[in-house]
Amino acid sequence: NTIDGESFAIATGRAAKEFRGLVRNNPSAAFIFELLKTEQTEDSIVSA
């Protein structure tokens, strides 16, 4: 999500059992996170 211009990722549900924290993303990392919502390869991310 992005709130007040800050992009972040958090773990919810079962994922929160493995990762407890908040990931603050710069714009390029936020773009990669959006790409990773669907199946990607390293090459497809590089191309994008």
PDB file of all heavy atoms in Angstrom:
ATOM      1  N   ASN A   1       0.850  -1.184   0.000  1.00  0.00           N
ATOM      2  CA  ASN A   1       0.000   0.000   0.000  1.00  0.00           C
ATOM      3  C   ASN A   1       0.884   1.232   0.000  1.00  0.00           C
ATOM      4  O   ASN A   1       2.076   1.153   0.289  1.00  0.00           O
ATOM      5  CB  ASN A   1      -0.924   0.007   1.216  1.00  0.00           C
ATOM      6  CG  ASN A   1      -2.178   0.830   0.999  1.00  0.00           C
ATOM      7  OD1 ASN A   1      -2.240   1.664   0.103  1.00  0.00           O
ATOM      8  ND2 ASN A   1      -3.175   0.581   1.812  1.00  0.00           N
ATOM      9  N   THR A   2       0.270   2.357  -0.311  1.00  0.00           N
ATOM     10  CA  THR A   2       0.948   3.646  -0.229  1.00  0.00           C
ATOM     11  C   THR A   2       0.077   4.566   0.604  1.00  0.00           C
ATOM     12  O   THR A   2      -1.115   4.722   0.319  1.00  0.00           O
ATOM     13  CB  THR A   2       1.168   4.256  -1.630  1.00  0.00           C
ATOM     14  OG1 THR A   2       1.949   3.349  -2.411  1.00  0.00           O
ATOM     15  CG2 THR A   2       1.878   5.592  -1.541  1.00  0.00           C
ATOM     16  N   ILE A   3       0.666   5.127   1.633  1.00  0.00           N
ATOM     17  CA  ILE A   3      -0.040   6.065   2.492  1.00  0.00           C
ATOM     18  C   ILE A   3       0.821   7.312   2.627  1.00  0.00           C
ATOM     19  O   ILE A   3       2.006   7.214   2.990  1.00  0.00           O
ATOM     20  CB  ILE A   3      -0.339   5.463   3.879  1.00  0.00           C
ATOM     21  CG1 ILE A   3      -1.288   4.268   3.743  1.00  0.00           C
ATOM     22  CG2 ILE A   3      -0.911   6.524   4.816  1.00  0.00           C
ATOM     23  CD1 ILE A   3      -1.568   3.549   5.035  1.00  0.00           C
ATOM     24  N   ASP A   4       0.230   8.438   2.326  1.00  0.00           N
ATOM     25  CA  ASP A   4       0.912   9.718   2.445  1.00  0.00           C
ATOM     26  C   ASP A   4       2.247   9.718   1.707  1.00  0.00           C
ATOM     27  O   ASP A   4       3.253  10.213   2.208  1.00  0.00           O
ATOM     28  CB  ASP A   4       1.093  10.067   3.926  1.00  0.00           C
ATOM     29  CG  ASP A   4       1.370  11.547   4.155  1.00  0.00           C
ATOM     30  OD1 ASP A   4       0.983  12.376   3.293  1.00  0.00           O
ATOM     31  OD2 ASP A   4       1.966  11.878   5.194  1.00  0.00           O
ATOM     32  N   GLY A   5       2.257   9.099   0.528  1.00  0.00           N
ATOM     33  CA  GLY A   5       3.447   9.064  -0.304  1.00  0.00           C
ATOM     34  C   GLY A   5       4.470   8.011   0.069  1.00  0.00           C
ATOM     35  O   GLY A   5       5.482   7.868  -0.609  1.00  0.00           O
ATOM     36  N   GLU A   6       4.241   7.265   1.127  1.00  0.00           N
ATOM     37  CA  GLU A   6       5.158   6.209   1.556  1.00  0.00           C
ATOM     38  C   GLU A   6       4.636   4.855   1.092  1.00  0.00           C
ATOM     39  O   GLU A   6       3.500   4.496   1.401  1.00  0.00           O
ATOM     40  CB  GLU A   6       5.282   6.192   3.081  1.00  0.00           C
ATOM     41  CG  GLU A   6       5.899   7.415   3.674  1.00  0.00           C
ATOM     42  CD  GLU A   6       7.413   7.376   3.669  1.00  0.00           C
ATOM     43  OE1 GLU A   6       7.988   6.271   3.577  1.00  0.00           O
ATOM     44  OE2 GLU A   6       7.998   8.445   3.748  1.00  0.00           O
ATOM     45  N   SER A   7       5.461   4.101   0.385  1.00  0.00           N
ATOM     46  CA  SER A   7       5.085   2.760  -0.059  1.00  0.00           C
ATOM     47  C   SER A   7       5.631   1.739   0.929  1.00  0.00           C
ATOM     48  O   SER A   7       6.763   1.870   1.399  1.00  0.00           O
ATOM     49  CB  SER A   7       5.658   2.475  -1.447  1.00  0.00           C
ATOM     50  OG  SER A   7       5.106   3.346  -2.389  1.00  0.00           O
ATOM     51  N   PHE A   8       4.811   0.743   1.220  1.00  0.00           N
ATOM     52  CA  PHE A   8       5.244  -0.264   2.171  1.00  0.00           C
ATOM     53  C   PHE A   8       4.586  -1.598   1.871  1.00  0.00           C
ATOM     54  O   PHE A   8       3.651  -1.690   1.099  1.00  0.00           O
ATOM     55  CB  PHE A   8       4.944   0.170   3.615  1.00  0.00           C
ATOM     56  CG  PHE A   8       3.468   0.325   3.896  1.00  0.00           C
ATOM     57  CD1 PHE A   8       2.720  -0.733   4.360  1.00  0.00           C
ATOM     58  CD2 PHE A   8       2.836   1.544   3.676  1.00  0.00           C
ATOM     59  CE1 PHE A   8       1.364  -0.602   4.612  1.00  0.00           C
ATOM     60  CE2 PHE A   8       1.476   1.683   3.922  1.00  0.00           C
ATOM     61  CZ  PHE A   8       0.739   0.614   4.392  1.00  0.00           C
ATOM     62  N   ALA A   9       5.109  -2.634   2.516  1.00  0.00           N
ATOM     63  CA  ALA A   9       4.535  -3.983   2.449  1.00  0.00           C
ATOM     64  C   ALA A   9       4.524  -4.545   3.857  1.00  0.00           C
ATOM     65  O   ALA A   9       5.452  -4.307   4.640  1.00  0.00           O
ATOM     66  CB  ALA A   9       5.354  -4.873   1.528  1.00  0.00           C
ATOM     67  N   ILE A  10       3.467  -5.264   4.160  1.00  0.00           N
ATOM     68  CA  ILE A  10       3.361  -5.931   5.455  1.00  0.00           C
ATOM     69  C   ILE A  10       2.849  -7.351   5.233  1.00  0.00           C
ATOM     70  O   ILE A  10       2.208  -7.635   4.221  1.00  0.00           O
ATOM     71  CB  ILE A  10       2.434  -5.191   6.441  1.00  0.00           C
ATOM     72  CG1 ILE A  10       1.015  -5.083   5.882  1.00  0.00           C
ATOM     73  CG2 ILE A  10       2.984  -3.830   6.802  1.00  0.00           C
ATOM     74  CD1 ILE A  10      -0.003  -4.571   6.882  1.00  0.00           C
ATOM     75  N   ALA A  11       3.124  -8.193   6.194  1.00  0.00           N
ATOM     76  CA  ALA A  11       2.627  -9.566   6.148  1.00  0.00           C
ATOM     77  C   ALA A  11       1.364  -9.645   6.997  1.00  0.00           C
ATOM     78  O   ALA A  11       1.302  -9.091   8.088  1.00  0.00           O
ATOM     79  CB  ALA A  11       3.686 -10.520   6.678  1.00  0.00           C
ATOM     80  N   THR A  12       0.360 -10.331   6.467  1.00  0.00           N
ATOM     81  CA  THR A  12      -0.883 -10.541   7.192  1.00  0.00           C
ATOM     82  C   THR A  12      -1.176 -12.034   7.242  1.00  0.00           C
ATOM     83  O   THR A  12      -0.585 -12.822   6.512  1.00  0.00           O
ATOM     84  CB  THR A  12      -2.064  -9.809   6.511  1.00  0.00           C
ATOM     85  OG1 THR A  12      -2.262 -10.365   5.201  1.00  0.00           O
ATOM     86  CG2 THR A  12      -1.801  -8.318   6.401  1.00  0.00           C
ATOM     87  N   GLY A  13      -2.110 -12.418   8.096  1.00  0.00           N
ATOM     88  CA  GLY A  13      -2.520 -13.819   8.175  1.00  0.00           C
ATOM     89  C   GLY A  13      -1.363 -14.747   8.461  1.00  0.00           C
ATOM     90  O   GLY A  13      -0.503 -14.462   9.293  1.00  0.00           O
ATOM     91  N   ARG A  14      -1.327 -15.862   7.750  1.00  0.00           N
ATOM     92  CA  ARG A  14      -0.271 -16.866   7.961  1.00  0.00           C
ATOM     93  C   ARG A  14       1.114 -16.310   7.684  1.00  0.00           C
ATOM     94  O   ARG A  14       2.090 -16.705   8.328  1.00  0.00           O
ATOM     95  CB  ARG A  14      -0.507 -18.070   7.057  1.00  0.00           C
ATOM     96  CG  ARG A  14      -1.708 -18.877   7.409  1.00  0.00           C
ATOM     97  CD  ARG A  14      -1.919 -19.928   6.359  1.00  0.00           C
ATOM     98  NE  ARG A  14      -2.274 -21.174   6.979  1.00  0.00           N
ATOM     99  CZ  ARG A  14      -2.128 -22.345   6.418  1.00  0.00           C
ATOM    100  NH1 ARG A  14      -1.629 -22.439   5.213  1.00  0.00           N
ATOM    101  NH2 ARG A  14      -2.501 -23.436   7.038  1.00  0.00           N
ATOM    102  N   ALA A  15       1.206 -15.404   6.699  1.00  0.00           N
ATOM    103  CA  ALA A  15       2.512 -14.833   6.360  1.00  0.00           C
ATOM    104  C   ALA A  15       3.114 -14.068   7.537  1.00  0.00           C
ATOM    105  O   ALA A  15       4.333 -13.996   7.683  1.00  0.00           O
ATOM    106  CB  ALA A  15       2.385 -13.918   5.137  1.00  0.00           C
ATOM    107  N   ALA A  16       2.256 -13.529   8.403  1.00  0.00           N
ATOM    108  CA  ALA A  16       2.737 -12.775   9.565  1.00  0.00           C
ATOM    109  C   ALA A  16       3.412 -13.673  10.593  1.00  0.00           C
ATOM    110  O   ALA A  16       4.150 -13.186  11.445  1.00  0.00           O
ATOM    111  CB  ALA A  16       1.579 -12.008  10.200  1.00  0.00           C
ATOM    112  N   LYS A  17       3.189 -14.978  10.503  1.00  0.00           N
ATOM    113  CA  LYS A  17       3.862 -15.899  11.409  1.00  0.00           C
ATOM    114  C   LYS A  17       5.333 -16.066  11.036  1.00  0.00           C
ATOM    115  O   LYS A  17       6.157 -16.396  11.871  1.00  0.00           O
ATOM    116  CB  LYS A  17       3.162 -17.254  11.420  1.00  0.00           C
ATOM    117  CG  LYS A  17       1.785 -17.192  12.040  1.00  0.00           C
ATOM    118  CD  LYS A  17       1.106 -18.536  12.009  1.00  0.00           C
ATOM    119  CE  LYS A  17      -0.290 -18.407  12.626  1.00  0.00           C
ATOM    120  NZ  LYS A  17      -1.009 -19.655  12.618  1.00  0.00           N
ATOM    121  N   GLU A  18       5.636 -15.826   9.752  1.00  0.00           N
ATOM    122  CA  GLU A  18       7.004 -15.980   9.272  1.00  0.00           C
ATOM    123  C   GLU A  18       7.745 -14.655   9.177  1.00  0.00           C
ATOM    124  O   GLU A  18       8.965 -14.622   9.245  1.00  0.00           O
ATOM    125  CB  GLU A  18       6.997 -16.655   7.903  1.00  0.00           C
ATOM    126  CG  GLU A  18       6.461 -18.066   7.949  1.00  0.00           C
ATOM    127  CD  GLU A  18       6.407 -18.712   6.584  1.00  0.00           C
ATOM    128  OE1 GLU A  18       6.964 -18.149   5.619  1.00  0.00           O
ATOM    129  OE2 GLU A  18       5.805 -19.780   6.476  1.00  0.00           O
ATOM    130  N   PHE A  19       7.015 -13.568   8.970  1.00  0.00           N
ATOM    131  CA  PHE A  19       7.648 -12.256   8.861  1.00  0.00           C
ATOM    132  C   PHE A  19       6.855 -11.249   9.675  1.00  0.00           C
ATOM    133  O   PHE A  19       5.686 -10.997   9.404  1.00  0.00           O
ATOM    134  CB  PHE A  19       7.711 -11.798   7.396  1.00  0.00           C
ATOM    135  CG  PHE A  19       8.362 -10.452   7.241  1.00  0.00           C
ATOM    136  CD1 PHE A  19       9.738 -10.326   7.281  1.00  0.00           C
ATOM    137  CD2 PHE A  19       7.599  -9.313   7.065  1.00  0.00           C
ATOM    138  CE1 PHE A  19      10.345  -9.084   7.151  1.00  0.00           C
ATOM    139  CE2 PHE A  19       8.196  -8.070   6.938  1.00  0.00           C
ATOM    140  CZ  PHE A  19       9.569  -7.950   6.975  1.00  0.00           C
ATOM    141  N   ARG A  20       7.505 -10.727  10.668  1.00  0.00           N
ATOM    142  CA  ARG A  20       6.864  -9.711  11.517  1.00  0.00           C
ATOM    143  C   ARG A  20       7.603  -8.417  11.315  1.00  0.00           C
ATOM    144  O   ARG A  20       8.722  -8.247  11.789  1.00  0.00           O
ATOM    145  CB  ARG A  20       6.926 -10.126  12.979  1.00  0.00           C
ATOM    146  CG  ARG A  20       6.105 -11.355  13.206  1.00  0.00           C
ATOM    147  CD  ARG A  20       6.024 -11.725  14.652  1.00  0.00           C
ATOM    148  NE  ARG A  20       5.200 -12.918  14.704  1.00  0.00           N
ATOM    149  CZ  ARG A  20       5.475 -13.967  15.419  1.00  0.00           C
ATOM    150  NH1 ARG A  20       6.533 -13.982  16.168  1.00  0.00           N
ATOM    151  NH2 ARG A  20       4.678 -15.001  15.406  1.00  0.00           N
ATOM    152  N   GLY A  21       6.994  -7.544  10.580  1.00  0.00           N
ATOM    153  CA  GLY A  21       7.642  -6.270  10.339  1.00  0.00           C
ATOM    154  C   GLY A  21       6.971  -5.525   9.215  1.00  0.00           C
ATOM    155  O   GLY A  21       5.920  -5.920   8.709  1.00  0.00           O
ATOM    156  N   LEU A  22       7.615  -4.465   8.835  1.00  0.00           N
ATOM    157  CA  LEU A  22       7.131  -3.579   7.792  1.00  0.00           C
ATOM    158  C   LEU A  22       8.277  -3.331   6.832  1.00  0.00           C
ATOM    159  O   LEU A  22       9.407  -3.103   7.269  1.00  0.00           O
ATOM    160  CB  LEU A  22       6.685  -2.258   8.429  1.00  0.00           C
ATOM    161  CG  LEU A  22       6.277  -1.142   7.505  1.00  0.00           C
ATOM    162  CD1 LEU A  22       4.861  -1.393   6.999  1.00  0.00           C
ATOM    163  CD2 LEU A  22       6.344   0.178   8.246  1.00  0.00           C
ATOM    164  N   VAL A  23       7.999  -3.396   5.549  1.00  0.00           N
ATOM    165  CA  VAL A  23       9.006  -3.112   4.540  1.00  0.00           C
ATOM    166  C   VAL A  23       8.662  -1.768   3.922  1.00  0.00           C
ATOM    167  O   VAL A  23       7.590  -1.614   3.344  1.00  0.00           O
ATOM    168  CB  VAL A  23       9.037  -4.202   3.440  1.00  0.00           C
ATOM    169  CG1 VAL A  23      10.084  -3.864   2.400  1.00  0.00           C
ATOM    170  CG2 VAL A  23       9.264  -5.576   4.030  1.00  0.00           C
ATOM    171  N   ARG A  24       9.552  -0.795   4.094  1.00  0.00           N
ATOM    172  CA  ARG A  24       9.359   0.504   3.450  1.00  0.00           C
ATOM    173  C   ARG A  24      10.095   0.466   2.125  1.00  0.00           C
ATOM    174  O   ARG A  24      11.275   0.113   2.075  1.00  0.00           O
ATOM    175  CB  ARG A  24       9.902   1.614   4.334  1.00  0.00           C
ATOM    176  CG  ARG A  24       9.061   1.777   5.604  1.00  0.00           C
ATOM    177  CD  ARG A  24       9.581   2.839   6.502  1.00  0.00           C
ATOM    178  NE  ARG A  24       9.500   4.133   5.822  1.00  0.00           N
ATOM    179  CZ  ARG A  24      10.103   5.218   6.255  1.00  0.00           C
ATOM    180  NH1 ARG A  24      10.835   5.184   7.333  1.00  0.00           N
ATOM    181  NH2 ARG A  24       9.973   6.355   5.596  1.00  0.00           N
ATOM    182  N   ASN A  25       9.378   0.825   1.059  1.00  0.00           N
ATOM    183  CA  ASN A  25       9.930   0.728  -0.285  1.00  0.00           C
ATOM    184  C   ASN A  25      10.163   2.092  -0.915  1.00  0.00           C
ATOM    185  O   ASN A  25       9.313   2.968  -0.809  1.00  0.00           O
ATOM    186  CB  ASN A  25       8.970  -0.052  -1.189  1.00  0.00           C
ATOM    187  CG  ASN A  25       8.886  -1.503  -0.821  1.00  0.00           C
ATOM    188  OD1 ASN A  25       9.899  -2.127  -0.551  1.00  0.00           O
ATOM    189  ND2 ASN A  25       7.688  -2.051  -0.806  1.00  0.00           N
ATOM    190  N   ASN A  26      11.292   2.212  -1.601  1.00  0.00           N
ATOM    191  CA  ASN A  26      11.480   3.374  -2.453  1.00  0.00           C
ATOM    192  C   ASN A  26      10.661   3.124  -3.728  1.00  0.00           C
ATOM    193  O   ASN A  26      10.090   2.031  -3.906  1.00  0.00           O
ATOM    194  CB  ASN A  26      12.968   3.620  -2.729  1.00  0.00           C
ATOM    195  CG  ASN A  26      13.631   2.512  -3.522  1.00  0.00           C
ATOM    196  OD1 ASN A  26      12.995   1.747  -4.244  1.00  0.00           O
ATOM    197  ND2 ASN A  26      14.935   2.402  -3.385  1.00  0.00           N
ATOM    198  N   PRO A  27      10.546   4.093  -4.629  1.00  0.00           N
ATOM    199  CA  PRO A  27       9.686   3.903  -5.809  1.00  0.00           C
ATOM    200  C   PRO A  27      10.034   2.685  -6.673  1.00  0.00           C
ATOM    201  O   PRO A  27       9.137   1.986  -7.141  1.00  0.00           O
ATOM    202  CB  PRO A  27       9.860   5.212  -6.591  1.00  0.00           C
ATOM    203  CG  PRO A  27      10.150   6.226  -5.527  1.00  0.00           C
ATOM    204  CD  PRO A  27      11.009   5.488  -4.530  1.00  0.00           C
ATOM    205  N   SER A  28      11.317   2.410  -6.865  1.00  0.00           N
ATOM    206  CA  SER A  28      11.657   1.263  -7.713  1.00  0.00           C
ATOM    207  C   SER A  28      11.341  -0.058  -7.013  1.00  0.00           C
ATOM    208  O   SER A  28      10.856  -1.001  -7.640  1.00  0.00           O
ATOM    209  CB  SER A  28      13.117   1.311  -8.167  1.00  0.00           C
ATOM    210  OG  SER A  28      13.994   1.362  -7.079  1.00  0.00           O
ATOM    211  N   ALA A  29      11.569  -0.143  -5.708  1.00  0.00           N
ATOM    212  CA  ALA A  29      11.210  -1.358  -4.967  1.00  0.00           C
ATOM    213  C   ALA A  29       9.696  -1.539  -4.943  1.00  0.00           C
ATOM    214  O   ALA A  29       9.196  -2.656  -5.077  1.00  0.00           O
ATOM    215  CB  ALA A  29      11.766  -1.310  -3.554  1.00  0.00           C
ATOM    216  N   ALA A  30       8.956  -0.439  -4.798  1.00  0.00           N
ATOM    217  CA  ALA A  30       7.493  -0.520  -4.821  1.00  0.00           C
ATOM    218  C   ALA A  30       7.009  -1.044  -6.172  1.00  0.00           C
ATOM    219  O   ALA A  30       6.073  -1.846  -6.235  1.00  0.00           O
ATOM    220  CB  ALA A  30       6.883   0.855  -4.536  1.00  0.00           C
ATOM    221  N   PHE A  31       7.655  -0.626  -7.248  1.00  0.00           N
ATOM    222  CA  PHE A  31       7.316  -1.112  -8.587  1.00  0.00           C
ATOM    223  C   PHE A  31       7.555  -2.617  -8.684  1.00  0.00           C
ATOM    224  O   PHE A  31       6.722  -3.362  -9.196  1.00  0.00           O
ATOM    225  CB  PHE A  31       8.142  -0.350  -9.635  1.00  0.00           C
ATOM    226  CG  PHE A  31       7.884  -0.761 -11.045  1.00  0.00           C
ATOM    227  CD1 PHE A  31       6.656  -0.486 -11.656  1.00  0.00           C
ATOM    228  CD2 PHE A  31       8.854  -1.404 -11.796  1.00  0.00           C
ATOM    229  CE1 PHE A  31       6.418  -0.859 -12.976  1.00  0.00           C
ATOM    230  CE2 PHE A  31       8.623  -1.778 -13.101  1.00  0.00           C
ATOM    231  CZ  PHE A  31       7.402  -1.505 -13.695  1.00  0.00           C
ATOM    232  N   ILE A  32       8.672  -3.076  -8.137  1.00  0.00           N
ATOM    233  CA  ILE A  32       8.982  -4.509  -8.167  1.00  0.00           C
ATOM    234  C   ILE A  32       7.972  -5.287  -7.330  1.00  0.00           C
ATOM    235  O   ILE A  32       7.508  -6.354  -7.739  1.00  0.00           O
ATOM    236  CB  ILE A  32      10.430  -4.765  -7.704  1.00  0.00           C
ATOM    237  CG1 ILE A  32      11.409  -4.186  -8.729  1.00  0.00           C
ATOM    238  CG2 ILE A  32      10.684  -6.267  -7.493  1.00  0.00           C
ATOM    239  CD1 ILE A  32      12.860  -4.178  -8.292  1.00  0.00           C
ATOM    240  N   PHE A  33       7.607  -4.773  -6.177  1.00  0.00           N
ATOM    241  CA  PHE A  33       6.587  -5.434  -5.356  1.00  0.00           C
ATOM    242  C   PHE A  33       5.276  -5.567  -6.128  1.00  0.00           C
ATOM    243  O   PHE A  33       4.614  -6.604  -6.067  1.00  0.00           O
ATOM    244  CB  PHE A  33       6.363  -4.667  -4.040  1.00  0.00           C
ATOM    245  CG  PHE A  33       7.183  -5.172  -2.895  1.00  0.00           C
ATOM    246  CD1 PHE A  33       8.526  -4.848  -2.795  1.00  0.00           C
ATOM    247  CD2 PHE A  33       6.617  -5.961  -1.918  1.00  0.00           C
ATOM    248  CE1 PHE A  33       9.286  -5.297  -1.733  1.00  0.00           C
ATOM    249  CE2 PHE A  33       7.368  -6.433  -0.846  1.00  0.00           C
ATOM    250  CZ  PHE A  33       8.711  -6.092  -0.759  1.00  0.00           C
ATOM    251  N   GLU A  34       4.897  -4.525  -6.861  1.00  0.00           N
ATOM    252  CA  GLU A  34       3.666  -4.594  -7.665  1.00  0.00           C
ATOM    253  C   GLU A  34       3.787  -5.674  -8.734  1.00  0.00           C
ATOM    254  O   GLU A  34       2.843  -6.421  -8.976  1.00  0.00           O
ATOM    255  CB  GLU A  34       3.341  -3.236  -8.284  1.00  0.00           C
ATOM    256  CG  GLU A  34       2.873  -2.209  -7.283  1.00  0.00           C
ATOM    257  CD  GLU A  34       1.651  -2.645  -6.486  1.00  0.00           C
ATOM    258  OE1 GLU A  34       0.662  -3.110  -7.096  1.00  0.00           O
ATOM    259  OE2 GLU A  34       1.680  -2.537  -5.248  1.00  0.00           O
ATOM    260  N   LEU A  35       4.941  -5.751  -9.381  1.00  0.00           N
ATOM    261  CA  LEU A  35       5.163  -6.801 -10.383  1.00  0.00           C
ATOM    262  C   LEU A  35       5.037  -8.185  -9.755  1.00  0.00           C
ATOM    263  O   LEU A  35       4.487  -9.107 -10.358  1.00  0.00           O
ATOM    264  CB  LEU A  35       6.545  -6.654 -11.026  1.00  0.00           C
ATOM    265  CG  LEU A  35       6.786  -5.446 -11.909  1.00  0.00           C
ATOM    266  CD1 LEU A  35       8.265  -5.359 -12.290  1.00  0.00           C
ATOM    267  CD2 LEU A  35       5.917  -5.508 -13.167  1.00  0.00           C
ATOM    268  N   LEU A  36       5.551  -8.324  -8.548  1.00  0.00           N
ATOM    269  CA  LEU A  36       5.567  -9.627  -7.879  1.00  0.00           C
ATOM    270  C   LEU A  36       4.209 -10.070  -7.355  1.00  0.00           C
ATOM    271  O   LEU A  36       4.088 -11.153  -6.784  1.00  0.00           O
ATOM    272  CB  LEU A  36       6.600  -9.627  -6.744  1.00  0.00           C
ATOM    273  CG  LEU A  36       8.051  -9.681  -7.203  1.00  0.00           C
ATOM    274  CD1 LEU A  36       8.989  -9.403  -6.038  1.00  0.00           C
ATOM    275  CD2 LEU A  36       8.361 -11.030  -7.846  1.00  0.00           C
ATOM    276  N   LYS A  37       3.190  -9.277  -7.586  1.00  0.00           N
ATOM    277  CA  LYS A  37       1.829  -9.725  -7.242  1.00  0.00           C
ATOM    278  C   LYS A  37       1.364 -10.790  -8.217  1.00  0.00           C
ATOM    279  O   LYS A  37       0.418 -11.522  -7.935  1.00  0.00           O
ATOM    280  CB  LYS A  37       0.865  -8.543  -7.223  1.00  0.00           C
ATOM    281  CG  LYS A  37       1.089  -7.641  -6.026  1.00  0.00           C
ATOM    282  CD  LYS A  37       0.109  -6.508  -6.001  1.00  0.00           C
ATOM    283  CE  LYS A  37       0.313  -5.658  -4.761  1.00  0.00           C
ATOM    284  NZ  LYS A  37      -0.665  -4.550  -4.706  1.00  0.00           N
ATOM    285  N   THR A  38       2.037 -10.881  -9.368  1.00  0.00           N
ATOM    286  CA  THR A  38       1.793 -11.945 -10.341  1.00  0.00           C
ATOM    287  C   THR A  38       3.117 -12.668 -10.574  1.00  0.00           C
ATOM    288  O   THR A  38       4.190 -12.148 -10.254  1.00  0.00           O
ATOM    289  CB  THR A  38       1.259 -11.391 -11.675  1.00  0.00           C
ATOM    290  OG1 THR A  38       2.221 -10.484 -12.234  1.00  0.00           O
ATOM    291  CG2 THR A  38      -0.074 -10.682 -11.481  1.00  0.00           C
ATOM    292  N   GLU A  39       3.035 -13.844 -11.121  1.00  0.00           N
ATOM    293  CA  GLU A  39       4.222 -14.666 -11.365  1.00  0.00           C
ATOM    294  C   GLU A  39       5.214 -13.914 -12.258  1.00  0.00           C
ATOM    295  O   GLU A  39       4.839 -13.390 -13.306  1.00  0.00           O
ATOM    296  CB  GLU A  39       3.797 -15.981 -12.012  1.00  0.00           C
ATOM    297  CG  GLU A  39       4.891 -16.996 -12.122  1.00  0.00           C
ATOM    298  CD  GLU A  39       5.378 -17.513 -10.775  1.00  0.00           C
ATOM    299  OE1 GLU A  39       4.577 -17.644  -9.839  1.00  0.00           O
ATOM    300  OE2 GLU A  39       6.589 -17.790 -10.668  1.00  0.00           O
ATOM    301  N   GLN A  40       6.457 -13.855 -11.823  1.00  0.00           N
ATOM    302  CA  GLN A  40       7.515 -13.163 -12.553  1.00  0.00           C
ATOM    303  C   GLN A  40       8.781 -13.998 -12.546  1.00  0.00           C
ATOM    304  O   GLN A  40       8.954 -14.872 -11.693  1.00  0.00           O
ATOM    305  CB  GLN A  40       7.835 -11.810 -11.883  1.00  0.00           C
ATOM    306  CG  GLN A  40       6.708 -10.826 -11.826  1.00  0.00           C
ATOM    307  CD  GLN A  40       6.342 -10.264 -13.167  1.00  0.00           C
ATOM    308  OE1 GLN A  40       7.198 -10.041 -14.031  1.00  0.00           O
ATOM    309  NE2 GLN A  40       5.048 -10.046 -13.387  1.00  0.00           N
ATOM    310  N   THR A  41       9.669 -13.665 -13.461  1.00  0.00           N
ATOM    311  CA  THR A  41      11.034 -14.186 -13.424  1.00  0.00           C
ATOM    312  C   THR A  41      11.947 -12.993 -13.181  1.00  0.00           C
ATOM    313  O   THR A  41      11.536 -11.836 -13.338  1.00  0.00           O
ATOM    314  CB  THR A  41      11.435 -14.853 -14.757  1.00  0.00           C
ATOM    315  OG1 THR A  41      11.436 -13.853 -15.784  1.00  0.00           O
ATOM    316  CG2 THR A  41      10.501 -15.994 -15.114  1.00  0.00           C
ATOM    317  N   GLU A  42      13.166 -13.277 -12.825  1.00  0.00           N
ATOM    318  CA  GLU A  42      14.119 -12.182 -12.641  1.00  0.00           C
ATOM    319  C   GLU A  42      14.260 -11.397 -13.946  1.00  0.00           C
ATOM    320  O   GLU A  42      14.293 -10.163 -13.938  1.00  0.00           O
ATOM    321  CB  GLU A  42      15.469 -12.747 -12.187  1.00  0.00           C
ATOM    322  CG  GLU A  42      16.383 -11.703 -11.617  1.00  0.00           C
ATOM    323  CD  GLU A  42      17.578 -12.300 -10.892  1.00  0.00           C
ATOM    324  OE1 GLU A  42      17.424 -13.281 -10.152  1.00  0.00           O
ATOM    325  OE2 GLU A  42      18.672 -11.742 -11.066  1.00  0.00           O
ATOM    326  N   ASP A  43      14.297 -12.106 -15.068  1.00  0.00           N
ATOM    327  CA  ASP A  43      14.417 -11.437 -16.370  1.00  0.00           C
ATOM    328  C   ASP A  43      13.206 -10.566 -16.691  1.00  0.00           C
ATOM    329  O   ASP A  43      13.350  -9.484 -17.251  1.00  0.00           O
ATOM    330  CB  ASP A  43      14.631 -12.456 -17.489  1.00  0.00           C
ATOM    331  CG  ASP A  43      16.028 -13.058 -17.481  1.00  0.00           C
ATOM    332  OD1 ASP A  43      16.951 -12.418 -16.924  1.00  0.00           O
ATOM    333  OD2 ASP A  43      16.201 -14.157 -18.032  1.00  0.00           O
ATOM    334  N   SER A  44      12.012 -11.022 -16.342  1.00  0.00           N
ATOM    335  CA  SER A  44      10.820 -10.211 -16.636  1.00  0.00           C
ATOM    336  C   SER A  44      10.807  -8.942 -15.786  1.00  0.00           C
ATOM    337  O   SER A  44      10.384  -7.875 -16.254  1.00  0.00           O
ATOM    338  CB  SER A  44       9.529 -11.017 -16.433  1.00  0.00           C
ATOM    339  OG  SER A  44       9.302 -11.310 -15.062  1.00  0.00           O
ATOM    340  N   ILE A  45      11.302  -9.027 -14.568  1.00  0.00           N
ATOM    341  CA  ILE A  45      11.388  -7.841 -13.717  1.00  0.00           C
ATOM    342  C   ILE A  45      12.428  -6.875 -14.276  1.00  0.00           C
ATOM    343  O   ILE A  45      12.184  -5.669 -14.367  1.00  0.00           O
ATOM    344  CB  ILE A  45      11.719  -8.232 -12.264  1.00  0.00           C
ATOM    345  CG1 ILE A  45      10.564  -9.036 -11.668  1.00  0.00           C
ATOM    346  CG2 ILE A  45      12.009  -6.991 -11.422  1.00  0.00           C
ATOM    347  CD1 ILE A  45      10.887  -9.693 -10.338  1.00  0.00           C
ATOM    348  N   VAL A  46      13.575  -7.402 -14.675  1.00  0.00           N
ATOM    349  CA  VAL A  46      14.619  -6.555 -15.272  1.00  0.00           C
ATOM    350  C   VAL A  46      14.082  -5.852 -16.510  1.00  0.00           C
ATOM    351  O   VAL A  46      14.269  -4.645 -16.679  1.00  0.00           O
ATOM    352  CB  VAL A  46      15.886  -7.381 -15.589  1.00  0.00           C
ATOM    353  CG1 VAL A  46      16.850  -6.591 -16.462  1.00  0.00           C
ATOM    354  CG2 VAL A  46      16.565  -7.832 -14.307  1.00  0.00           C
ATOM    355  N   SER A  47      13.379  -6.575 -17.359  1.00  0.00           N
ATOM    356  CA  SER A  47      12.819  -5.983 -18.581  1.00  0.00           C
ATOM    357  C   SER A  47      11.838  -4.859 -18.260  1.00  0.00           C
ATOM    358  O   SER A  47      11.874  -3.789 -18.869  1.00  0.00           O
ATOM    359  CB  SER A  47      12.115  -7.041 -19.435  1.00  0.00           C
ATOM    360  OG  SER A  47      13.043  -7.956 -19.937  1.00  0.00           O
ATOM    361  N   ALA A  48      10.969  -5.094 -17.287  1.00  0.00           N
ATOM    362  CA  ALA A  48       9.993  -4.067 -16.894  1.00  0.00           C
ATOM    363  C   ALA A  48      10.697  -2.842 -16.323  1.00  0.00           C
ATOM    364  O   ALA A  48      10.292  -1.704 -16.589  1.00  0.00           O
ATOM    365  CB  ALA A  48       9.010  -4.646 -15.880  1.00  0.00           C
TER     366      ALA A  48
END
